[in-house]
Amino acid sequence: MYTKLIKNTKYLIVFSISLLRFFFPIITKIHIQNYNSKQSSLVDFFLEINEKNIYIFFSLISKNLIYNYEQLINISCIDNINLQKHSMMNSDRFSLVYLINSINTTSRLLILISFSLNTIITSISSIYKASTWLEREVYDLFGIYFYEHKDLRRILTDYGFKGFPLRKDFPLTGYVELRFNEELKSVKYSRVKLIQEYRYFKFNSSWKSLAHQIKA
C-alpha cells in the first residue's frame, strides 16, 4: 500500500513539474530522468531557471505538499570562463547547481542557475538551514554575493585573504604565501616570489655523455 502511494505521488510530481514551466516563466528547461531497479524506481528532475525570483521558486518546492523537497544536499558552483562564448561576453560567467532531495518519494531535484559576474543571488538560508554554510563556501571560493544572508563571511580562507581561489582567472601560485618567521616567532604573510634560476633547463642528454665515456 505504501509503495503504491509513493508511485502515485511520483506520477503526480512528474505531471506538476511539467506544468511549472507554463505557470512560472523563470523555468527555462526541464529534463526528467527515470532510474528503474528491482527494489524501487527513482525520478530525477533537471531544471534550468532564471536567477530572478529564486526565493519564490524554492519556497514553492519546499513547502508545497505535492513536491515537498525538504532536504538540501549540496550547492556547487561552476566557472564558465574557459568557454569561448562566455569569454567574449560577460553573461553566464558562473553557474550554480542546487541538489535537493525529497525524503518521502526518494526523488532528487537538480536546479541550474547561470548568471553574469556582478549578479547578486538571493539567499535561501531562511528556507534551507543547510545553505547557510554552503553559501558561505561559494562566497569564499568564487566571490558570489548572496543577498539577505545573515552571516556571509569567509569559511575556508583567512578573513584578510584577497581574491577567490577557485575562480579560473586566479593564479595557481596565488598572491601571498604563509611562512613561520623564526625571529618574530609568529606566522607572517609574504608575497610569492618565483626564482628565475629554476626556470632554466639544460636539455643535454645524459645518454650522450655516457656514450662518449664508453668510446674513450
Protein backbone atom coordinates (compact mmCIF):
# COMPACT_ATOMS: atom_id res chain seq x y z
CA MET A 1 0.00 0.00 0.00
CA TYR A 2 2.81 2.38 0.89
CA THR A 3 4.76 1.62 -2.29
CA LYS A 4 1.69 2.27 -4.44
CA LEU A 5 1.17 5.58 -2.68
CA ILE A 6 4.79 6.56 -3.41
CA LYS A 7 4.40 5.64 -7.09
CA ASN A 8 1.21 7.69 -7.38
CA THR A 9 2.87 10.69 -5.76
CA LYS A 10 5.80 10.33 -8.19
CA TYR A 11 3.45 10.45 -11.16
CA LEU A 12 1.75 13.47 -9.64
CA ILE A 13 5.12 15.18 -9.18
CA VAL A 14 6.09 14.44 -12.80
CA PHE A 15 2.86 15.98 -14.03
CA SER A 16 3.05 19.01 -11.75
CA ILE A 17 6.75 19.64 -12.51
CA SER A 18 5.92 19.65 -16.22
CA LEU A 19 3.22 22.24 -15.60
CA LEU A 20 5.55 24.51 -13.64
CA ARG A 21 7.13 25.82 -16.82
CA PHE A 22 3.82 27.20 -18.04
CA PHE A 23 2.89 28.84 -14.74
CA PHE A 24 6.34 30.13 -13.79
CA PRO A 25 8.29 31.92 -16.54
CA ILE A 26 11.53 31.65 -14.54
CA ILE A 27 11.88 27.98 -15.59
CA THR A 28 13.62 27.72 -18.97
CA LYS A 29 14.36 24.00 -19.35
CA ILE A 30 13.02 20.77 -17.85
CA HIS A 31 14.51 17.29 -18.14
CA ILE A 32 13.12 14.19 -16.42
CA GLN A 33 15.26 11.09 -15.82
CA ASN A 34 13.89 7.74 -14.59
CA TYR A 35 16.04 5.11 -12.86
CA ASN A 36 14.33 1.73 -12.61
CA SER A 37 15.68 -1.01 -10.37
CA LYS A 38 14.37 -4.20 -8.77
CA GLN A 39 13.62 -2.56 -5.47
CA SER A 40 12.30 0.85 -6.47
CA SER A 41 12.16 3.41 -9.26
CA LEU A 42 13.77 6.82 -8.89
CA VAL A 43 12.77 10.01 -10.65
CA ASP A 44 15.20 12.90 -11.04
CA PHE A 45 14.33 16.33 -12.38
CA PHE A 46 16.82 18.69 -14.00
CA LEU A 47 15.56 22.28 -14.09
CA GLU A 48 17.24 25.34 -15.51
CA ILE A 49 15.74 28.52 -14.10
CA ASN A 50 16.34 32.25 -14.19
CA GLU A 51 18.16 33.93 -11.31
CA LYS A 52 15.18 36.20 -10.66
CA ASN A 53 12.52 35.13 -8.15
CA ILE A 54 14.69 32.31 -6.80
CA TYR A 55 13.25 32.68 -3.33
CA ILE A 56 9.68 32.20 -4.57
CA PHE A 57 10.61 29.09 -6.51
CA PHE A 58 12.45 27.41 -3.62
CA SER A 59 9.64 28.31 -1.24
CA LEU A 60 7.20 26.56 -3.54
CA ILE A 61 9.10 23.31 -3.91
CA SER A 62 9.98 23.08 -0.23
CA LYS A 63 6.66 23.97 1.42
CA ASN A 64 4.17 22.64 -1.13
CA LEU A 65 2.56 19.31 -0.19
CA ILE A 66 2.87 17.94 -3.72
CA TYR A 67 6.61 18.49 -4.13
CA ASN A 68 7.92 18.58 -0.56
CA TYR A 69 11.63 18.78 -1.40
CA GLU A 70 12.70 19.39 2.18
CA GLN A 71 16.38 18.40 2.14
CA LEU A 72 19.15 20.48 0.57
CA ILE A 73 22.15 18.23 -0.13
CA ASN A 74 24.68 20.48 -1.85
CA ILE A 75 25.31 23.75 -3.67
CA SER A 76 28.13 23.71 -6.21
CA CYS A 77 29.47 26.50 -8.41
CA ILE A 78 30.98 26.35 -11.92
CA ASP A 79 33.22 28.98 -13.51
CA ASN A 80 32.48 29.16 -17.25
CA ILE A 81 35.32 31.48 -18.20
CA ASN A 82 37.06 28.83 -20.32
CA LEU A 83 34.11 28.50 -22.68
CA GLN A 84 34.59 30.53 -25.83
CA LYS A 85 31.17 32.11 -25.91
CA HIS A 86 31.47 33.16 -22.27
CA SER A 87 34.96 34.62 -22.70
CA MET A 88 33.70 37.00 -25.36
CA MET A 89 30.69 38.09 -23.33
CA ASN A 90 30.32 38.55 -19.59
CA SER A 91 26.92 36.83 -19.48
CA ASP A 92 26.63 33.39 -17.88
CA ARG A 93 30.04 33.61 -16.25
CA PHE A 94 29.01 31.42 -13.30
CA SER A 95 26.55 28.59 -12.79
CA LEU A 96 25.05 27.43 -9.50
CA VAL A 97 23.76 23.87 -9.14
CA TYR A 98 21.36 23.13 -6.28
CA LEU A 99 20.81 19.48 -5.36
CA ILE A 100 17.59 18.95 -3.39
CA ASN A 101 16.11 15.68 -2.19
CA SER A 102 12.62 14.52 -1.31
CA ILE A 103 12.78 12.00 1.53
CA ASN A 104 9.28 10.58 1.09
CA THR A 105 9.45 9.95 -2.67
CA THR A 106 13.26 9.46 -2.95
CA SER A 107 13.26 11.98 -5.78
CA ARG A 108 16.09 14.39 -6.47
CA LEU A 109 15.84 17.83 -8.00
CA LEU A 110 18.83 19.47 -9.69
CA ILE A 111 18.43 23.18 -10.35
CA LEU A 112 20.84 25.08 -12.60
CA ILE A 113 21.19 28.86 -12.49
CA SER A 114 23.51 30.76 -14.86
CA PHE A 115 24.32 34.42 -14.28
CA SER A 116 26.88 37.12 -15.02
CA LEU A 117 29.85 38.22 -12.94
CA ASN A 118 28.27 41.06 -10.95
CA THR A 119 24.91 39.39 -10.32
CA ILE A 120 23.66 39.21 -6.71
CA ILE A 121 21.91 35.94 -5.87
CA THR A 122 19.13 35.78 -3.29
CA SER A 123 19.95 33.59 -0.33
CA ILE A 124 17.75 30.61 0.55
CA SER A 125 19.16 30.20 4.05
CA SER A 126 15.78 31.03 5.57
CA ILE A 127 14.25 28.09 3.65
CA TYR A 128 17.04 25.53 3.95
CA LYS A 129 19.26 25.87 7.00
CA ALA A 130 21.99 23.81 5.34
CA SER A 131 22.54 26.55 2.75
CA THR A 132 23.97 28.85 5.45
CA TRP A 133 27.33 27.05 5.33
CA LEU A 134 27.14 26.14 1.62
CA GLU A 135 26.55 29.72 0.51
CA ARG A 136 29.45 30.90 2.68
CA GLU A 137 31.69 28.37 0.93
CA VAL A 138 30.60 29.55 -2.53
CA TYR A 139 31.15 33.15 -1.49
CA ASP A 140 34.60 32.38 -0.10
CA LEU A 141 35.89 30.42 -3.10
CA PHE A 142 34.07 32.11 -6.01
CA GLY A 143 33.13 35.55 -4.74
CA ILE A 144 29.38 35.26 -5.36
CA TYR A 145 27.39 37.53 -3.07
CA PHE A 146 24.15 36.19 -1.57
CA TYR A 147 21.57 38.81 -0.70
CA GLU A 148 19.85 38.58 2.72
CA HIS A 149 22.38 36.11 4.09
CA LYS A 150 22.71 36.75 7.82
CA ASP A 151 26.34 35.68 8.23
CA LEU A 152 28.14 35.91 4.89
CA ARG A 153 31.80 35.53 5.87
CA ARG A 154 34.76 33.55 4.62
CA ILE A 155 34.71 29.99 5.86
CA LEU A 156 37.82 28.24 4.43
CA THR A 157 40.34 31.02 3.81
CA ASP A 158 41.51 33.77 6.13
CA TYR A 159 39.43 36.89 6.69
CA GLY A 160 42.15 39.06 5.14
CA PHE A 161 42.56 36.83 2.09
CA LYS A 162 42.44 38.68 -1.23
CA GLY A 163 40.83 37.09 -4.24
CA PHE A 164 38.79 33.94 -4.73
CA PRO A 165 40.84 30.75 -5.13
CA LEU A 166 38.51 28.60 -7.26
CA ARG A 167 37.99 31.19 -9.98
CA LYS A 168 39.77 30.16 -13.16
CA ASP A 169 41.40 33.58 -13.54
CA PHE A 170 43.05 33.19 -10.11
CA PRO A 171 46.79 32.31 -10.45
CA LEU A 172 47.82 28.82 -9.35
CA THR A 173 50.66 30.16 -7.21
CA GLY A 174 48.44 32.73 -5.53
CA TYR A 175 49.48 36.19 -4.44
CA VAL A 176 50.84 35.57 -0.94
CA GLU A 177 52.48 32.70 0.91
CA LEU A 178 52.43 31.81 4.59
CA ARG A 179 55.66 31.23 6.47
CA PHE A 180 56.81 30.95 10.08
CA ASN A 181 59.28 33.68 10.98
CA GLU A 182 61.94 32.43 13.39
CA GLU A 183 62.91 35.93 14.51
CA LEU A 184 59.38 37.07 15.29
CA LYS A 185 58.27 33.59 16.38
CA SER A 186 54.99 34.05 14.55
CA VAL A 187 53.32 33.36 11.22
CA LYS A 188 53.89 36.00 8.57
CA TYR A 189 52.48 36.63 5.13
CA SER A 190 54.81 37.46 2.25
CA ARG A 191 54.37 37.95 -1.47
CA VAL A 192 55.05 34.98 -3.72
CA LYS A 193 58.49 35.23 -5.35
CA LEU A 194 59.43 32.85 -8.15
CA ILE A 195 63.18 32.37 -8.56
CA GLN A 196 64.16 32.58 -12.20
CA GLU A 197 67.05 30.13 -11.82
CA TYR A 198 64.63 27.23 -11.56
CA ARG A 199 63.11 28.14 -14.91
CA TYR A 200 66.28 27.45 -16.92
CA PHE A 201 66.68 23.88 -18.04
CA LYS A 202 69.63 22.05 -19.59
CA PHE A 203 68.45 19.94 -22.48
CA ASN A 204 71.72 17.97 -22.81
CA SER A 205 71.04 14.27 -22.82
CA SER A 206 72.84 12.23 -20.18
CA TRP A 207 72.96 9.29 -22.59
CA LYS A 208 75.25 11.20 -24.97
CA SER A 209 77.82 11.88 -22.27
CA LEU A 210 77.68 8.21 -21.29
CA ALA A 211 78.35 7.20 -24.93
CA HIS A 212 81.45 9.40 -25.06
CA GLN A 213 82.79 7.78 -21.89
CA ILE A 214 82.35 4.30 -23.33
CA LYS A 215 84.21 5.21 -26.55
CA ALA A 216 87.06 6.71 -24.57
